[in-house]
Amino acid sequence: MPIYACTAAQGRLTSAHKAEIAKCITDIYHEETGAPRYLVQVIFYDVAPGNHYIAGELGSADQVWIRCDTRSGKTGMEKTQMLRRIMKQVGKIIGAEEHTIAVLLNEIPSSNFTEYGELAPAAGEENVWFSSLPYDLRKRLKAVA
């Protein structure tokens, strides 16, 4: 249910960076919330040169943005920990200063989400929701859990 959109200048992130960032974000989300890993999606967007501006001026190619749309229901501590850990770990992975990593967390009511063809469960209700999924889908998701 959390969908992380990572945006950086074209060529800023290598394929290896992207794979490591996706694993890192998935692990952090799972560790901080207890939600299953198969709910985490990470998508990368490359910004072509000349398409990023700050204060009306061409922006630095070093900047990386990570936006997460997730279900509401997390504690303030969970959110703070996720934000800080992602900022630090992504900076470490790509060899960048933390001030070049922006992380944005947007909470949305679970009733405004669908996942795997079903309405998303409320936070903490993942196991009941999972049990209601078709057998073949549960089997596939268990393989990536």
C-alpha atoms as a PDB file:
ATOM      1  CA  MET A   1       0.000   0.000   0.000  1.00  0.00           C
ATOM      2  CA  PRO A   2       2.789   2.440   0.445  1.00  0.00           C
ATOM      3  CA  ILE A   3       3.861   3.640  -2.948  1.00  0.00           C
ATOM      4  CA  TYR A   4       7.229   5.347  -2.937  1.00  0.00           C
ATOM      5  CA  ALA A   5       8.026   7.541  -5.934  1.00  0.00           C
ATOM      6  CA  CYS A   6      11.746   8.304  -6.124  1.00  0.00           C
ATOM      7  CA  THR A   7      12.687  11.132  -8.450  1.00  0.00           C
ATOM      8  CA  ALA A   8      16.188  12.172  -9.460  1.00  0.00           C
ATOM      9  CA  ALA A   9      18.048  13.715 -12.370  1.00  0.00           C
ATOM     10  CA  GLN A  10      18.477  11.370 -15.294  1.00  0.00           C
ATOM     11  CA  GLY A  11      21.615   9.295 -14.713  1.00  0.00           C
ATOM     12  CA  ARG A  12      21.910  10.292 -11.027  1.00  0.00           C
ATOM     13  CA  LEU A  13      20.878   6.851  -9.805  1.00  0.00           C
ATOM     14  CA  THR A  14      22.404   3.707 -11.248  1.00  0.00           C
ATOM     15  CA  SER A  15      20.489   0.436 -11.558  1.00  0.00           C
ATOM     16  CA  ALA A  16      22.415  -0.809  -8.526  1.00  0.00           C
ATOM     17  CA  HIS A  17      21.428   2.313  -6.541  1.00  0.00           C
ATOM     18  CA  LYS A  18      17.776   1.801  -7.468  1.00  0.00           C
ATOM     19  CA  ALA A  19      17.780  -1.855  -6.412  1.00  0.00           C
ATOM     20  CA  GLU A  20      19.470  -1.039  -3.098  1.00  0.00           C
ATOM     21  CA  ILE A  21      17.148   1.910  -2.424  1.00  0.00           C
ATOM     22  CA  ALA A  22      14.053  -0.215  -3.151  1.00  0.00           C
ATOM     23  CA  LYS A  23      15.258  -2.905  -0.731  1.00  0.00           C
ATOM     24  CA  CYS A  24      16.194  -0.332   1.897  1.00  0.00           C
ATOM     25  CA  ILE A  25      12.822   1.451   1.729  1.00  0.00           C
ATOM     26  CA  THR A  26      10.951  -1.869   1.843  1.00  0.00           C
ATOM     27  CA  ASP A  27      12.931  -3.011   4.882  1.00  0.00           C
ATOM     28  CA  ILE A  28      12.445   0.291   6.710  1.00  0.00           C
ATOM     29  CA  TYR A  29       8.691   0.328   6.097  1.00  0.00           C
ATOM     30  CA  HIS A  30       8.354  -3.275   7.262  1.00  0.00           C
ATOM     31  CA  GLU A  31      10.546  -2.755  10.349  1.00  0.00           C
ATOM     32  CA  GLU A  32       8.849   0.472  11.450  1.00  0.00           C
ATOM     33  CA  THR A  33       5.214  -0.529  10.818  1.00  0.00           C
ATOM     34  CA  GLY A  34       5.193  -4.329  10.856  1.00  0.00           C
ATOM     35  CA  ALA A  35       3.343  -4.316   7.521  1.00  0.00           C
ATOM     36  CA  PRO A  36       4.263  -7.106   5.079  1.00  0.00           C
ATOM     37  CA  ARG A  37       6.956  -6.363   2.503  1.00  0.00           C
ATOM     38  CA  TYR A  38       4.663  -7.315  -0.399  1.00  0.00           C
ATOM     39  CA  LEU A  39       2.644  -4.163   0.238  1.00  0.00           C
ATOM     40  CA  VAL A  40       5.595  -1.845  -0.509  1.00  0.00           C
ATOM     41  CA  GLN A  41       6.069  -0.520  -4.054  1.00  0.00           C
ATOM     42  CA  VAL A  42       8.992   1.669  -5.132  1.00  0.00           C
ATOM     43  CA  ILE A  43       8.927   3.463  -8.498  1.00  0.00           C
ATOM     44  CA  PHE A  44      11.766   5.523  -9.963  1.00  0.00           C
ATOM     45  CA  TYR A  45      11.360   8.585 -12.167  1.00  0.00           C
ATOM     46  CA  ASP A  46      14.229  10.199 -14.044  1.00  0.00           C
ATOM     47  CA  VAL A  47      14.053  13.937 -14.665  1.00  0.00           C
ATOM     48  CA  ALA A  48      15.512  15.031 -17.981  1.00  0.00           C
ATOM     49  CA  PRO A  49      18.088  17.851 -17.910  1.00  0.00           C
ATOM     50  CA  GLY A  50      16.473  21.262 -17.818  1.00  0.00           C
ATOM     51  CA  ASN A  51      13.248  20.057 -16.187  1.00  0.00           C
ATOM     52  CA  HIS A  52      13.938  20.856 -12.528  1.00  0.00           C
ATOM     53  CA  TYR A  53      13.915  24.371 -11.088  1.00  0.00           C
ATOM     54  CA  ILE A  54      14.222  25.792  -7.590  1.00  0.00           C
ATOM     55  CA  ALA A  55      13.217  29.419  -7.010  1.00  0.00           C
ATOM     56  CA  GLY A  56      13.015  29.903 -10.768  1.00  0.00           C
ATOM     57  CA  GLU A  57      16.586  28.742 -11.335  1.00  0.00           C
ATOM     58  CA  LEU A  58      17.845  25.487 -12.787  1.00  0.00           C
ATOM     59  CA  GLY A  59      18.129  23.044  -9.883  1.00  0.00           C
ATOM     60  CA  SER A  60      21.054  20.879  -8.848  1.00  0.00           C
ATOM     61  CA  ALA A  61      21.320  17.402 -10.347  1.00  0.00           C
ATOM     62  CA  ASP A  62      22.283  16.124  -6.876  1.00  0.00           C
ATOM     63  CA  GLN A  63      18.768  16.477  -5.413  1.00  0.00           C
ATOM     64  CA  VAL A  64      16.705  13.313  -4.845  1.00  0.00           C
ATOM     65  CA  TRP A  65      13.027  13.338  -3.817  1.00  0.00           C
ATOM     66  CA  ILE A  66      11.169  10.437  -2.293  1.00  0.00           C
ATOM     67  CA  ARG A  67       7.416  10.746  -1.957  1.00  0.00           C
ATOM     68  CA  CYS A  68       5.416   8.076  -0.155  1.00  0.00           C
ATOM     69  CA  ASP A  69       1.647   7.750  -0.391  1.00  0.00           C
ATOM     70  CA  THR A  70       0.583   5.423   2.415  1.00  0.00           C
ATOM     71  CA  ARG A  71      -2.405   4.492   4.526  1.00  0.00           C
ATOM     72  CA  SER A  72      -3.049   6.610   7.585  1.00  0.00           C
ATOM     73  CA  GLY A  73      -2.841   5.114  11.053  1.00  0.00           C
ATOM     74  CA  LYS A  74       0.870   5.222  11.796  1.00  0.00           C
ATOM     75  CA  THR A  75       2.172   6.730  14.994  1.00  0.00           C
ATOM     76  CA  GLY A  76       4.177   9.942  14.999  1.00  0.00           C
ATOM     77  CA  MET A  77       7.250   7.946  16.031  1.00  0.00           C
ATOM     78  CA  GLU A  78       6.816   5.470  13.139  1.00  0.00           C
ATOM     79  CA  LYS A  79       6.571   8.324  10.651  1.00  0.00           C
ATOM     80  CA  THR A  80       9.541  10.212  12.088  1.00  0.00           C
ATOM     81  CA  GLN A  81      11.678   7.070  12.140  1.00  0.00           C
ATOM     82  CA  MET A  82      10.772   6.192   8.539  1.00  0.00           C
ATOM     83  CA  LEU A  83      11.530   9.710   7.298  1.00  0.00           C
ATOM     84  CA  ARG A  84      14.881   9.945   9.068  1.00  0.00           C
ATOM     85  CA  ARG A  85      16.013   6.425   8.225  1.00  0.00           C
ATOM     86  CA  ILE A  86      15.127   6.771   4.537  1.00  0.00           C
ATOM     87  CA  MET A  87      16.898  10.127   4.271  1.00  0.00           C
ATOM     88  CA  LYS A  88      20.049   8.769   5.932  1.00  0.00           C
ATOM     89  CA  GLN A  89      20.133   5.413   4.153  1.00  0.00           C
ATOM     90  CA  VAL A  90      19.461   6.778   0.665  1.00  0.00           C
ATOM     91  CA  GLY A  91      22.163   9.399   1.199  1.00  0.00           C
ATOM     92  CA  LYS A  92      24.559   6.661   2.261  1.00  0.00           C
ATOM     93  CA  ILE A  93      23.635   4.404  -0.695  1.00  0.00           C
ATOM     94  CA  ILE A  94      24.241   7.101  -3.298  1.00  0.00           C
ATOM     95  CA  GLY A  95      27.081   8.899  -1.504  1.00  0.00           C
ATOM     96  CA  ALA A  96      25.128  12.128  -1.037  1.00  0.00           C
ATOM     97  CA  GLU A  97      24.751  14.649   1.753  1.00  0.00           C
ATOM     98  CA  GLU A  98      21.487  14.256   3.676  1.00  0.00           C
ATOM     99  CA  HIS A  99      20.420  17.788   2.762  1.00  0.00           C
ATOM    100  CA  THR A 100      20.113  16.678  -0.883  1.00  0.00           C
ATOM    101  CA  ILE A 101      17.552  13.984   0.004  1.00  0.00           C
ATOM    102  CA  ALA A 102      13.947  15.126   0.484  1.00  0.00           C
ATOM    103  CA  VAL A 103      11.419  12.638   1.860  1.00  0.00           C
ATOM    104  CA  LEU A 104       7.697  13.380   1.860  1.00  0.00           C
ATOM    105  CA  LEU A 105       5.135  11.169   3.594  1.00  0.00           C
ATOM    106  CA  ASN A 106       1.479  11.537   2.606  1.00  0.00           C
ATOM    107  CA  GLU A 107      -1.134   9.680   4.604  1.00  0.00           C
ATOM    108  CA  ILE A 108      -4.381   8.649   2.950  1.00  0.00           C
ATOM    109  CA  PRO A 109      -7.318   6.845   4.581  1.00  0.00           C
ATOM    110  CA  SER A 110      -7.216   3.116   3.785  1.00  0.00           C
ATOM    111  CA  SER A 111     -10.717   3.469   2.330  1.00  0.00           C
ATOM    112  CA  ASN A 112      -9.113   5.517  -0.480  1.00  0.00           C
ATOM    113  CA  PHE A 113      -6.739   2.684  -1.508  1.00  0.00           C
ATOM    114  CA  THR A 114      -7.106  -0.518  -3.465  1.00  0.00           C
ATOM    115  CA  GLU A 115      -4.435  -3.169  -3.598  1.00  0.00           C
ATOM    116  CA  TYR A 116      -4.381  -6.475  -5.458  1.00  0.00           C
ATOM    117  CA  GLY A 117      -7.990  -5.983  -6.553  1.00  0.00           C
ATOM    118  CA  GLU A 118      -9.384  -5.315  -3.069  1.00  0.00           C
ATOM    119  CA  LEU A 119      -9.976  -2.313  -0.845  1.00  0.00           C
ATOM    120  CA  ALA A 120      -6.955  -1.847   1.368  1.00  0.00           C
ATOM    121  CA  PRO A 121      -7.124  -2.902   5.002  1.00  0.00           C
ATOM    122  CA  ALA A 122      -6.861  -0.463   7.863  1.00  0.00           C
ATOM    123  CA  ALA A 123      -3.464  -0.393   9.565  1.00  0.00           C
ATOM    124  CA  GLY A 124      -3.084  -3.519  11.677  1.00  0.00           C
ATOM    125  CA  GLU A 125      -5.752  -5.450   9.722  1.00  0.00           C
ATOM    126  CA  GLU A 126      -3.384  -6.809   7.067  1.00  0.00           C
ATOM    127  CA  ASN A 127      -3.602 -10.460   8.191  1.00  0.00           C
ATOM    128  CA  VAL A 128      -7.412 -10.583   8.031  1.00  0.00           C
ATOM    129  CA  TRP A 129      -7.328  -8.834   4.654  1.00  0.00           C
ATOM    130  CA  PHE A 130      -4.660 -11.222   3.369  1.00  0.00           C
ATOM    131  CA  SER A 131      -6.761 -14.236   4.399  1.00  0.00           C
ATOM    132  CA  SER A 132      -9.638 -12.960   2.252  1.00  0.00           C
ATOM    133  CA  LEU A 133      -7.537 -12.863  -0.937  1.00  0.00           C
ATOM    134  CA  PRO A 134      -7.804 -15.636  -3.541  1.00  0.00           C
ATOM    135  CA  TYR A 135      -5.553 -18.611  -2.842  1.00  0.00           C
ATOM    136  CA  ASP A 136      -3.321 -18.154  -5.923  1.00  0.00           C
ATOM    137  CA  LEU A 137      -2.716 -14.517  -5.061  1.00  0.00           C
ATOM    138  CA  ARG A 138      -1.894 -15.344  -1.426  1.00  0.00           C
ATOM    139  CA  LYS A 139       0.561 -17.973  -2.654  1.00  0.00           C
ATOM    140  CA  ARG A 140       2.261 -15.463  -4.998  1.00  0.00           C
ATOM    141  CA  LEU A 141       2.458 -12.782  -2.297  1.00  0.00           C
ATOM    142  CA  LYS A 142       3.869 -15.189   0.293  1.00  0.00           C
ATOM    143  CA  ALA A 143       6.717 -15.886  -2.113  1.00  0.00           C
ATOM    144  CA  VAL A 144       7.793 -12.215  -2.006  1.00  0.00           C
ATOM    145  CA  ALA A 145       7.030 -11.623   1.662  1.00  0.00           C
END
